[in-house]
């Protein structure tokens, strides 16, 4: 098993995050002694201090087609895509990977149906402090219509978009759904594939397990 330590420095505020894999418990203890603190994080599981109050100022709606089932929004993430990001975590997942870091997102009713306008306003309010927006879950492609509308609004403001999906790109293309096709062709980074806990070691930056791929444009809906 290879040993890896990646240091991520945010020059504007001096914060540093260390991502580690394959190191011994003794080495991990020494590293925590140097950095003074430690917490397990992964995509979809940020530092608790980075979390906004969940849904504390969103506009709730019922049955509105311009709304998303939302678990939470958080900011200042450095593990959910390149740079420092705002993250929209949707509620509801039909895949439900064994060992998922955020099983609380699996049931749609654990979240709330929130207007896209409210979510978008929250993102724009914080855009000067971030390098882009990440959409994850749950499973974003379980809500292709609302997510496509949200992506459209983000791209009109030229925001970088990263999307996590438990489906592979090939499976998404096979759907032949216009909303899915729109999302894929307007995404700057797609991280695809289910989380496999047995492949969690040495997964690499931004990924939960080694089977997941980082796919950058152009993403063609006609195939890879």
Protein backbone atom coordinates (compact mmCIF):
# COMPACT_ATOMS: atom_id res chain seq x y z
CA UNK A 1 0.00 0.00 0.00
CA UNK A 2 1.45 3.37 -1.01
CA UNK A 3 1.74 6.18 1.52
CA UNK A 4 0.55 9.64 0.54
CA UNK A 5 0.23 13.00 2.29
CA UNK A 6 -1.19 15.95 0.34
CA UNK A 7 -1.10 19.46 1.85
CA UNK A 8 -3.65 21.99 0.59
CA UNK A 9 -2.80 25.59 1.51
CA UNK A 10 -5.30 28.43 1.14
CA UNK A 11 -2.99 31.45 0.72
CA UNK A 12 -5.68 34.04 1.33
CA UNK A 13 -6.44 32.91 4.88
CA UNK A 14 -3.48 30.71 5.80
CA UNK A 15 -5.58 27.59 6.44
CA UNK A 16 -4.03 24.23 5.61
CA UNK A 17 -5.69 20.85 5.10
CA UNK A 18 -3.70 17.60 5.01
CA UNK A 19 -5.15 14.65 3.06
CA UNK A 20 -3.54 11.33 4.02
CA UNK A 21 -3.83 7.71 2.93
CA UNK A 22 -1.93 4.55 3.71
CA UNK A 23 0.10 5.99 6.58
CA UNK A 24 0.68 4.20 9.89
CA UNK A 25 -1.23 5.13 13.07
CA UNK A 26 2.06 6.34 14.57
CA UNK A 27 2.72 8.67 11.63
CA UNK A 28 -0.87 9.95 11.80
CA UNK A 29 -0.43 10.70 15.50
CA UNK A 30 2.77 12.64 14.78
CA UNK A 31 1.05 14.61 12.00
CA UNK A 32 -1.84 15.53 14.28
CA UNK A 33 0.71 16.66 16.87
CA UNK A 34 2.24 19.06 14.35
CA UNK A 35 -1.07 20.38 12.99
CA UNK A 36 -2.75 20.38 16.43
CA UNK A 37 -6.07 18.98 15.22
CA UNK A 38 -7.57 16.32 13.01
CA UNK A 39 -10.91 15.15 11.67
CA UNK A 40 -11.90 12.55 9.12
CA UNK A 41 -13.29 14.23 5.99
CA UNK A 42 -14.23 13.12 2.51
CA UNK A 43 -16.37 14.24 -0.40
CA UNK A 44 -19.79 15.03 1.04
CA UNK A 45 -18.40 14.90 4.59
CA UNK A 46 -16.71 18.26 5.26
CA UNK A 47 -15.27 19.72 8.43
CA UNK A 48 -18.11 20.50 10.81
CA UNK A 49 -16.87 24.09 11.13
CA UNK A 50 -17.48 24.58 7.40
CA UNK A 51 -21.18 23.74 7.62
CA UNK A 52 -23.80 26.41 7.32
CA UNK A 53 -26.86 26.12 9.52
CA UNK A 54 -28.86 23.55 7.52
CA UNK A 55 -31.65 25.16 5.52
CA UNK A 56 -31.88 28.00 8.02
CA UNK A 57 -32.86 30.73 5.58
CA UNK A 58 -34.15 28.85 2.54
CA UNK A 59 -37.62 29.37 1.09
CA UNK A 60 -39.56 26.14 1.38
CA UNK A 61 -42.08 25.17 -1.29
CA UNK A 62 -44.39 22.26 -1.97
CA UNK A 63 -44.68 20.65 -5.38
CA UNK A 64 -42.89 23.43 -7.24
CA UNK A 65 -41.12 22.26 -10.41
CA UNK A 66 -38.52 24.97 -9.81
CA UNK A 67 -37.34 23.36 -6.60
CA UNK A 68 -34.83 20.74 -5.43
CA UNK A 69 -34.95 18.22 -2.63
CA UNK A 70 -32.12 19.64 -0.54
CA UNK A 71 -30.18 18.21 2.40
CA UNK A 72 -27.94 21.21 3.07
CA UNK A 73 -25.66 23.89 1.65
CA UNK A 74 -22.17 24.47 3.02
CA UNK A 75 -19.21 26.63 2.07
CA UNK A 76 -15.40 26.66 2.34
CA UNK A 77 -14.97 23.03 1.26
CA UNK A 78 -11.56 21.96 -0.09
CA UNK A 79 -12.39 18.24 -0.47
CA UNK A 80 -15.35 18.46 -2.88
CA UNK A 81 -13.53 19.60 -6.02
CA UNK A 82 -10.75 22.00 -7.03
CA UNK A 83 -10.14 25.09 -4.94
CA UNK A 84 -12.48 26.27 -2.22
CA UNK A 85 -16.11 25.59 -2.98
CA UNK A 86 -19.73 26.13 -2.12
CA UNK A 87 -21.50 22.77 -1.97
CA UNK A 88 -25.15 21.97 -2.67
CA UNK A 89 -25.96 18.58 -1.19
CA UNK A 90 -29.23 17.18 -2.47
CA UNK A 91 -31.51 14.80 -0.57
CA UNK A 92 -32.48 11.41 -1.92
CA UNK A 93 -30.39 8.61 -3.42
CA UNK A 94 -31.54 5.51 -5.31
CA UNK A 95 -28.04 3.94 -5.25
CA UNK A 96 -27.29 3.95 -1.50
CA UNK A 97 -23.72 2.65 -1.62
CA UNK A 98 -22.70 0.37 1.24
CA UNK A 99 -20.51 2.32 3.66
CA UNK A 100 -21.63 5.71 2.33
CA UNK A 101 -20.20 8.61 4.38
CA UNK A 102 -23.55 10.43 4.41
CA UNK A 103 -26.37 7.86 4.71
CA UNK A 104 -28.56 10.62 6.15
CA UNK A 105 -28.93 11.92 2.57
CA UNK A 106 -30.44 8.69 1.23
CA UNK A 107 -34.08 9.43 2.06
CA UNK A 108 -35.57 12.39 0.26
CA UNK A 109 -37.93 13.16 3.12
CA UNK A 110 -34.94 13.75 5.44
CA UNK A 111 -34.37 16.95 3.44
CA UNK A 112 -36.75 19.64 2.28
CA UNK A 113 -38.14 20.82 -1.05
CA UNK A 114 -36.47 24.21 -1.55
CA UNK A 115 -36.84 26.71 -4.37
CA UNK A 116 -33.98 26.88 -6.85
CA UNK A 117 -34.09 30.67 -6.62
CA UNK A 118 -33.31 30.51 -2.90
CA UNK A 119 -30.42 28.09 -3.41
CA UNK A 120 -29.04 30.18 -6.25
CA UNK A 121 -29.24 33.37 -4.17
CA UNK A 122 -27.25 31.69 -1.39
CA UNK A 123 -24.56 30.67 -3.88
CA UNK A 124 -24.30 34.12 -5.48
CA UNK A 125 -24.12 35.76 -2.06
CA UNK A 126 -20.96 33.74 -1.32
CA UNK A 127 -19.39 33.52 -4.79
CA UNK A 128 -16.58 36.04 -4.15
CA UNK A 129 -15.13 33.71 -1.51
CA UNK A 130 -15.17 30.55 -3.62
CA UNK A 131 -13.77 29.01 -6.78
CA UNK A 132 -16.91 27.21 -7.87
CA UNK A 133 -19.95 25.16 -6.93
CA UNK A 134 -20.16 21.43 -6.28
CA UNK A 135 -23.42 19.48 -6.52
CA UNK A 136 -23.47 16.13 -4.76
CA UNK A 137 -25.79 14.06 -2.67
CA UNK A 138 -27.59 12.00 -2.23
CA UNK A 139 -27.71 11.55 -5.99
CA UNK A 140 -28.07 14.68 -8.19
CA UNK A 141 -29.18 12.69 -11.24
CA UNK A 142 -32.22 11.40 -9.34
CA UNK A 143 -33.54 14.97 -9.85
CA UNK A 144 -32.42 15.70 -13.43
CA UNK A 145 -35.01 18.38 -14.22
CA UNK A 146 -34.42 20.66 -11.22
CA UNK A 147 -30.65 20.09 -11.29
CA UNK A 148 -30.56 20.99 -15.01
CA UNK A 149 -32.39 24.25 -14.23
CA UNK A 150 -29.96 25.00 -11.40
CA UNK A 151 -26.94 24.25 -13.61
CA UNK A 152 -28.34 26.55 -16.29
CA UNK A 153 -28.52 29.45 -13.83
CA UNK A 154 -25.01 28.78 -12.53
CA UNK A 155 -23.52 28.72 -16.04
CA UNK A 156 -25.21 32.01 -16.94
CA UNK A 157 -23.02 33.46 -14.19
CA UNK A 158 -19.95 31.57 -15.47
CA UNK A 159 -19.52 29.55 -12.28
CA UNK A 160 -17.32 26.43 -12.32
CA UNK A 161 -19.45 23.33 -11.68
CA UNK A 162 -18.35 20.00 -10.23
CA UNK A 163 -20.90 17.19 -9.96
CA UNK A 164 -20.61 13.89 -8.12
CA UNK A 165 -22.72 10.94 -9.26
CA UNK A 166 -22.90 7.32 -8.20
CA UNK A 167 -23.83 6.49 -11.79
CA UNK A 168 -21.14 6.06 -14.42
CA UNK A 169 -21.00 8.46 -17.35
CA UNK A 170 -21.94 5.62 -19.70
CA UNK A 171 -25.08 4.83 -17.67
CA UNK A 172 -26.11 8.48 -17.64
CA UNK A 173 -25.65 8.82 -21.41
CA UNK A 174 -27.67 5.65 -21.94
CA UNK A 175 -30.70 7.28 -20.32
CA UNK A 176 -31.14 9.59 -23.33
CA UNK A 177 -32.77 12.14 -21.05
CA UNK A 178 -32.49 15.75 -22.33
CA UNK A 179 -32.08 17.06 -18.78
CA UNK A 180 -29.25 14.63 -18.05
CA UNK A 181 -27.63 15.51 -21.38
CA UNK A 182 -27.80 19.23 -20.55
CA UNK A 183 -26.18 18.70 -17.14
CA UNK A 184 -23.36 16.60 -18.63
CA UNK A 185 -22.56 19.08 -21.40
CA UNK A 186 -22.51 22.03 -18.97
CA UNK A 187 -20.42 20.43 -16.22
CA UNK A 188 -16.77 21.40 -15.76
CA UNK A 189 -15.84 18.31 -13.76
CA UNK A 190 -17.80 15.07 -13.32
CA UNK A 191 -16.74 12.55 -10.68
CA UNK A 192 -18.62 9.38 -11.50
CA UNK A 193 -19.17 5.88 -10.19
CA UNK A 194 -20.46 4.35 -6.96
CA UNK A 195 -18.53 4.49 -3.72
CA UNK A 196 -16.88 1.09 -3.07
CA UNK A 197 -15.55 0.93 0.47
CA UNK A 198 -13.08 -1.85 -0.42
CA UNK A 199 -11.42 0.56 -2.87
CA UNK A 200 -11.31 3.49 -0.48
CA UNK A 201 -7.57 3.40 0.20
CA UNK A 202 -5.39 5.58 -2.05
CA UNK A 203 -8.45 6.90 -3.89
CA UNK A 204 -6.72 10.15 -4.79
CA UNK A 205 -7.80 13.75 -4.62
CA UNK A 206 -11.55 14.51 -4.39
CA UNK A 207 -12.59 10.85 -4.78
CA UNK A 208 -14.02 8.43 -2.25
CA UNK A 209 -12.86 5.19 -3.91
CA UNK A 210 -10.40 4.23 -6.65
CA UNK A 211 -13.06 3.19 -9.19
CA UNK A 212 -14.39 6.74 -9.42
CA UNK A 213 -13.20 8.84 -12.34
CA UNK A 214 -12.53 12.55 -12.72
CA UNK A 215 -13.96 13.45 -16.13
CA UNK A 216 -13.37 16.92 -17.55
CA UNK A 217 -14.81 18.53 -20.71
CA UNK A 218 -15.63 17.90 -23.37
CA UNK A 219 -18.24 15.41 -22.19
CA UNK A 220 -20.05 14.11 -25.24
CA UNK A 221 -23.58 12.75 -24.85
CA UNK A 222 -22.84 10.57 -27.89
CA UNK A 223 -20.19 8.58 -26.01
CA UNK A 224 -16.67 8.86 -24.66
